[in-house]
């Protein structure tokens, strides 16, 4: 699941979109999950360009 959050920066005086992905059956009470950080904006959130959720679900 992709979820978009807005981060307000007082230093840059603007808002930044942060998109988080949680795998199916995500469980907060289990072992910690690994992290992956992607910095190319909309490329990774548009499934027609890069199907990020599909790729991550198959790992």
PDB file of N, CA and C in Angstrom:
ATOM      1  N   UNK A   1       0.838  -1.172   0.000  1.00  0.00           N
ATOM      2  CA  UNK A   1       0.000   0.000   0.000  1.00  0.00           C
ATOM      3  C   UNK A   1       0.887   1.241   0.000  1.00  0.00           C
ATOM      4  N   UNK A   2       0.598   2.174  -0.876  1.00  0.00           N
ATOM      5  CA  UNK A   2       1.308   3.450  -0.889  1.00  0.00           C
ATOM      6  C   UNK A   2       0.473   4.497  -0.163  1.00  0.00           C
ATOM      7  N   UNK A   3       1.115   5.262   0.699  1.00  0.00           N
ATOM      8  CA  UNK A   3       0.437   6.335   1.422  1.00  0.00           C
ATOM      9  C   UNK A   3       1.276   7.603   1.293  1.00  0.00           C
ATOM     10  N   UNK A   4       0.637   8.704   0.943  1.00  0.00           N
ATOM     11  CA  UNK A   4       1.338   9.970   0.779  1.00  0.00           C
ATOM     12  C   UNK A   4       1.140  10.853   2.008  1.00  0.00           C
ATOM     13  N   UNK A   5       2.246  11.344   2.542  1.00  0.00           N
ATOM     14  CA  UNK A   5       2.236  12.247   3.690  1.00  0.00           C
ATOM     15  C   UNK A   5       2.868  13.569   3.263  1.00  0.00           C
ATOM     16  N   UNK A   6       2.473  14.652   3.895  1.00  0.00           N
ATOM     17  CA  UNK A   6       3.071  15.955   3.616  1.00  0.00           C
ATOM     18  C   UNK A   6       3.962  16.373   4.779  1.00  0.00           C
ATOM     19  N   UNK A   7       5.170  16.775   4.464  1.00  0.00           N
ATOM     20  CA  UNK A   7       6.122  17.251   5.458  1.00  0.00           C
ATOM     21  C   UNK A   7       6.334  18.740   5.221  1.00  0.00           C
ATOM     22  N   UNK A   8       5.992  19.553   6.218  1.00  0.00           N
ATOM     23  CA  UNK A   8       6.173  21.002   6.104  1.00  0.00           C
ATOM     24  C   UNK A   8       7.571  21.376   6.584  1.00  0.00           C
ATOM     25  N   UNK A   9       8.300  22.057   5.731  1.00  0.00           N
ATOM     26  CA  UNK A   9       9.647  22.499   6.070  1.00  0.00           C
ATOM     27  C   UNK A   9       9.639  23.994   6.351  1.00  0.00           C
ATOM     28  N   UNK A  10      10.035  24.362   7.560  1.00  0.00           N
ATOM     29  CA  UNK A  10      10.153  25.786   7.869  1.00  0.00           C
ATOM     30  C   UNK A  10      11.438  26.350   7.268  1.00  0.00           C
ATOM     31  N   UNK A  11      12.457  25.519   7.157  1.00  0.00           N
ATOM     32  CA  UNK A  11      13.727  25.964   6.576  1.00  0.00           C
ATOM     33  C   UNK A  11      13.565  26.324   5.104  1.00  0.00           C
ATOM     34  N   UNK A  12      12.861  25.477   4.336  1.00  0.00           N
ATOM     35  CA  UNK A  12      12.690  25.722   2.906  1.00  0.00           C
ATOM     36  C   UNK A  12      11.367  26.410   2.576  1.00  0.00           C
ATOM     37  N   UNK A  13      10.538  26.611   3.593  1.00  0.00           N
ATOM     38  CA  UNK A  13       9.248  27.281   3.446  1.00  0.00           C
ATOM     39  C   UNK A  13       8.379  26.653   2.360  1.00  0.00           C
ATOM     40  N   UNK A  14       8.278  25.334   2.408  1.00  0.00           N
ATOM     41  CA  UNK A  14       7.420  24.612   1.466  1.00  0.00           C
ATOM     42  C   UNK A  14       7.069  23.248   2.035  1.00  0.00           C
ATOM     43  N   UNK A  15       6.180  22.552   1.345  1.00  0.00           N
ATOM     44  CA  UNK A  15       5.789  21.200   1.737  1.00  0.00           C
ATOM     45  C   UNK A  15       6.424  20.196   0.789  1.00  0.00           C
ATOM     46  N   UNK A  16       6.808  19.069   1.341  1.00  0.00           N
ATOM     47  CA  UNK A  16       7.355  17.974   0.559  1.00  0.00           C
ATOM     48  C   UNK A  16       6.437  16.773   0.707  1.00  0.00           C
ATOM     49  N   UNK A  17       6.212  16.072  -0.386  1.00  0.00           N
ATOM     50  CA  UNK A  17       5.435  14.833  -0.337  1.00  0.00           C
ATOM     51  C   UNK A  17       6.374  13.682  -0.014  1.00  0.00           C
ATOM     52  N   UNK A  18       5.955  12.860   0.915  1.00  0.00           N
ATOM     53  CA  UNK A  18       6.694  11.652   1.264  1.00  0.00           C
ATOM     54  C   UNK A  18       5.737  10.486   1.075  1.00  0.00           C
ATOM     55  N   UNK A  19       6.145   9.527   0.269  1.00  0.00           N
ATOM     56  CA  UNK A  19       5.297   8.368   0.002  1.00  0.00           C
ATOM     57  C   UNK A  19       5.880   7.176   0.742  1.00  0.00           C
ATOM     58  N   UNK A  20       5.057   6.512   1.530  1.00  0.00           N
ATOM     59  CA  UNK A  20       5.490   5.312   2.239  1.00  0.00           C
ATOM     60  C   UNK A  20       4.785   4.096   1.656  1.00  0.00           C
ATOM     61  N   UNK A  21       5.467   2.964   1.715  1.00  0.00           N
ATOM     62  CA  UNK A  21       4.920   1.699   1.232  1.00  0.00           C
ATOM     63  C   UNK A  21       4.919   0.715   2.388  1.00  0.00           C
ATOM     64  N   UNK A  22       3.797   0.040   2.569  1.00  0.00           N
ATOM     65  CA  UNK A  22       3.712  -1.048   3.541  1.00  0.00           C
ATOM     66  C   UNK A  22       3.292  -2.305   2.797  1.00  0.00           C
ATOM     67  N   UNK A  23       3.985  -3.421   3.033  1.00  0.00           N
ATOM     68  CA  UNK A  23       3.648  -4.657   2.329  1.00  0.00           C
ATOM     69  C   UNK A  23       2.314  -5.228   2.794  1.00  0.00           C
ATOM     70  N   UNK A  24       1.734  -6.122   1.976  1.00  0.00           N
ATOM     71  CA  UNK A  24       0.496  -6.783   2.404  1.00  0.00           C
ATOM     72  C   UNK A  24       0.734  -7.498   3.745  1.00  0.00           C
ATOM     73  N   UNK A  25      -0.270  -7.518   4.582  1.00  0.00           N
ATOM     74  CA  UNK A  25      -0.201  -8.175   5.896  1.00  0.00           C
ATOM     75  C   UNK A  25       0.879  -7.580   6.799  1.00  0.00           C
ATOM     76  N   UNK A  26       1.157  -6.289   6.641  1.00  0.00           N
ATOM     77  CA  UNK A  26       2.140  -5.614   7.491  1.00  0.00           C
ATOM     78  C   UNK A  26       1.739  -5.785   8.950  1.00  0.00           C
ATOM     79  N   UNK A  27       2.708  -6.146   9.793  1.00  0.00           N
ATOM     80  CA  UNK A  27       2.437  -6.429  11.198  1.00  0.00           C
ATOM     81  C   UNK A  27       3.400  -5.622  12.062  1.00  0.00           C
ATOM     82  N   UNK A  28       2.875  -4.699  12.836  1.00  0.00           N
ATOM     83  CA  UNK A  28       3.734  -3.859  13.677  1.00  0.00           C
ATOM     84  C   UNK A  28       4.270  -4.594  14.901  1.00  0.00           C
ATOM     85  N   UNK A  29       3.703  -5.734  15.254  1.00  0.00           N
ATOM     86  CA  UNK A  29       4.150  -6.438  16.455  1.00  0.00           C
ATOM     87  C   UNK A  29       5.189  -7.516  16.146  1.00  0.00           C
ATOM     88  N   UNK A  30       5.537  -7.704  14.883  1.00  0.00           N
ATOM     89  CA  UNK A  30       6.518  -8.717  14.516  1.00  0.00           C
ATOM     90  C   UNK A  30       7.929  -8.156  14.438  1.00  0.00           C
ATOM     91  N   UNK A  31       8.794  -8.871  13.722  1.00  0.00           N
ATOM     92  CA  UNK A  31      10.169  -8.423  13.523  1.00  0.00           C
ATOM     93  C   UNK A  31      10.190  -7.122  12.723  1.00  0.00           C
ATOM     94  N   UNK A  32      11.215  -6.287  12.935  1.00  0.00           N
ATOM     95  CA  UNK A  32      11.313  -5.034  12.176  1.00  0.00           C
ATOM     96  C   UNK A  32      11.471  -5.310  10.678  1.00  0.00           C
ATOM     97  N   UNK A  33      10.957  -4.419   9.887  1.00  0.00           N
ATOM     98  CA  UNK A  33      11.076  -4.512   8.437  1.00  0.00           C
ATOM     99  C   UNK A  33      12.293  -3.712   7.986  1.00  0.00           C
ATOM    100  N   UNK A  34      12.887  -4.112   6.874  1.00  0.00           N
ATOM    101  CA  UNK A  34      13.988  -3.358   6.287  1.00  0.00           C
ATOM    102  C   UNK A  34      13.476  -2.064   5.675  1.00  0.00           C
ATOM    103  N   UNK A  35      14.385  -1.168   5.340  1.00  0.00           N
ATOM    104  CA  UNK A  35      14.015   0.118   4.743  1.00  0.00           C
ATOM    105  C   UNK A  35      14.667   0.269   3.382  1.00  0.00           C
ATOM    106  N   UNK A  36      13.961   0.945   2.499  1.00  0.00           N
ATOM    107  CA  UNK A  36      14.470   1.280   1.177  1.00  0.00           C
ATOM    108  C   UNK A  36      14.052   2.714   0.907  1.00  0.00           C
ATOM    109  N   UNK A  37      14.993   3.565   0.544  1.00  0.00           N
ATOM    110  CA  UNK A  37      14.701   4.970   0.294  1.00  0.00           C
ATOM    111  C   UNK A  37      14.931   5.280  -1.177  1.00  0.00           C
ATOM    112  N   UNK A  38      13.931   5.834  -1.835  1.00  0.00           N
ATOM    113  CA  UNK A  38      14.007   6.192  -3.249  1.00  0.00           C
ATOM    114  C   UNK A  38      13.791   7.694  -3.371  1.00  0.00           C
ATOM    115  N   UNK A  39      14.583   8.348  -4.191  1.00  0.00           N
ATOM    116  CA  UNK A  39      14.574   9.806  -4.218  1.00  0.00           C
ATOM    117  C   UNK A  39      14.193  10.435  -5.555  1.00  0.00           C
ATOM    118  N   UNK A  40      13.596   9.714  -6.450  1.00  0.00           N
ATOM    119  CA  UNK A  40      13.288  10.279  -7.763  1.00  0.00           C
ATOM    120  C   UNK A  40      11.823  10.611  -7.945  1.00  0.00           C
ATOM    121  N   UNK A  41      11.193  11.031  -6.888  1.00  0.00           N
ATOM    122  CA  UNK A  41       9.835  11.549  -6.962  1.00  0.00           C
ATOM    123  C   UNK A  41       8.810  10.616  -7.558  1.00  0.00           C
ATOM    124  N   UNK A  42       8.069  11.140  -8.509  1.00  0.00           N
ATOM    125  CA  UNK A  42       6.902  10.442  -9.043  1.00  0.00           C
ATOM    126  C   UNK A  42       7.228   9.186  -9.841  1.00  0.00           C
ATOM    127  N   UNK A  43       8.456   9.010 -10.268  1.00  0.00           N
ATOM    128  CA  UNK A  43       8.793   7.798 -11.024  1.00  0.00           C
ATOM    129  C   UNK A  43       8.408   6.537 -10.252  1.00  0.00           C
ATOM    130  N   UNK A  44       8.640   6.533  -8.967  1.00  0.00           N
ATOM    131  CA  UNK A  44       8.413   5.332  -8.167  1.00  0.00           C
ATOM    132  C   UNK A  44       6.989   5.207  -7.650  1.00  0.00           C
ATOM    133  N   UNK A  45       6.183   6.235  -7.804  1.00  0.00           N
ATOM    134  CA  UNK A  45       4.801   6.163  -7.324  1.00  0.00           C
ATOM    135  C   UNK A  45       3.797   6.032  -8.457  1.00  0.00           C
ATOM    136  N   UNK A  46       4.257   6.059  -9.693  1.00  0.00           N
ATOM    137  CA  UNK A  46       3.382   5.891 -10.846  1.00  0.00           C
ATOM    138  C   UNK A  46       3.577   4.485 -11.404  1.00  0.00           C
ATOM    139  N   UNK A  47       2.602   3.583 -11.206  1.00  0.00           N
ATOM    140  CA  UNK A  47       2.773   2.191 -11.634  1.00  0.00           C
ATOM    141  C   UNK A  47       2.956   2.023 -13.139  1.00  0.00           C
ATOM    142  N   UNK A  48       2.597   3.017 -13.940  1.00  0.00           N
ATOM    143  CA  UNK A  48       2.815   2.921 -15.385  1.00  0.00           C
ATOM    144  C   UNK A  48       4.287   3.149 -15.737  1.00  0.00           C
ATOM    145  N   UNK A  49       5.027   3.817 -14.858  1.00  0.00           N
ATOM    146  CA  UNK A  49       6.447   4.058 -15.105  1.00  0.00           C
ATOM    147  C   UNK A  49       7.301   2.996 -14.413  1.00  0.00           C
ATOM    148  N   UNK A  50       7.153   2.876 -13.114  1.00  0.00           N
ATOM    149  CA  UNK A  50       7.860   1.853 -12.335  1.00  0.00           C
ATOM    150  C   UNK A  50       6.854   1.274 -11.347  1.00  0.00           C
ATOM    151  N   UNK A  51       6.510  -0.017 -11.478  1.00  0.00           N
ATOM    152  CA  UNK A  51       5.504  -0.622 -10.585  1.00  0.00           C
ATOM    153  C   UNK A  51       6.102  -0.982  -9.219  1.00  0.00           C
ATOM    154  N   UNK A  52       6.465   0.021  -8.449  1.00  0.00           N
ATOM    155  CA  UNK A  52       7.161  -0.187  -7.177  1.00  0.00           C
ATOM    156  C   UNK A  52       6.446  -1.153  -6.234  1.00  0.00           C
ATOM    157  N   UNK A  53       5.140  -0.999  -5.961  1.00  0.00           N
ATOM    158  CA  UNK A  53       4.498  -1.959  -5.053  1.00  0.00           C
ATOM    159  C   UNK A  53       4.605  -3.403  -5.549  1.00  0.00           C
ATOM    160  N   UNK A  54       4.433  -3.620  -6.838  1.00  0.00           N
ATOM    161  CA  UNK A  54       4.535  -4.977  -7.390  1.00  0.00           C
ATOM    162  C   UNK A  54       5.944  -5.523  -7.205  1.00  0.00           C
ATOM    163  N   UNK A  55       6.936  -4.709  -7.493  1.00  0.00           N
ATOM    164  CA  UNK A  55       8.327  -5.141  -7.330  1.00  0.00           C
ATOM    165  C   UNK A  55       8.615  -5.477  -5.870  1.00  0.00           C
ATOM    166  N   UNK A  56       8.223  -4.602  -4.951  1.00  0.00           N
ATOM    167  CA  UNK A  56       8.497  -4.838  -3.532  1.00  0.00           C
ATOM    168  C   UNK A  56       7.714  -6.023  -2.986  1.00  0.00           C
ATOM    169  N   UNK A  57       6.501  -6.234  -3.461  1.00  0.00           N
ATOM    170  CA  UNK A  57       5.709  -7.380  -3.000  1.00  0.00           C
ATOM    171  C   UNK A  57       6.354  -8.702  -3.387  1.00  0.00           C
ATOM    172  N   UNK A  58       7.146  -8.702  -4.434  1.00  0.00           N
ATOM    173  CA  UNK A  58       7.771  -9.942  -4.916  1.00  0.00           C
ATOM    174  C   UNK A  58       9.120 -10.229  -4.265  1.00  0.00           C
ATOM    175  N   UNK A  59       9.608  -9.323  -3.461  1.00  0.00           N
ATOM    176  CA  UNK A  59      10.902  -9.554  -2.796  1.00  0.00           C
ATOM    177  C   UNK A  59      10.775 -10.569  -1.684  1.00  0.00           C
TER     178      UNK A  59
END
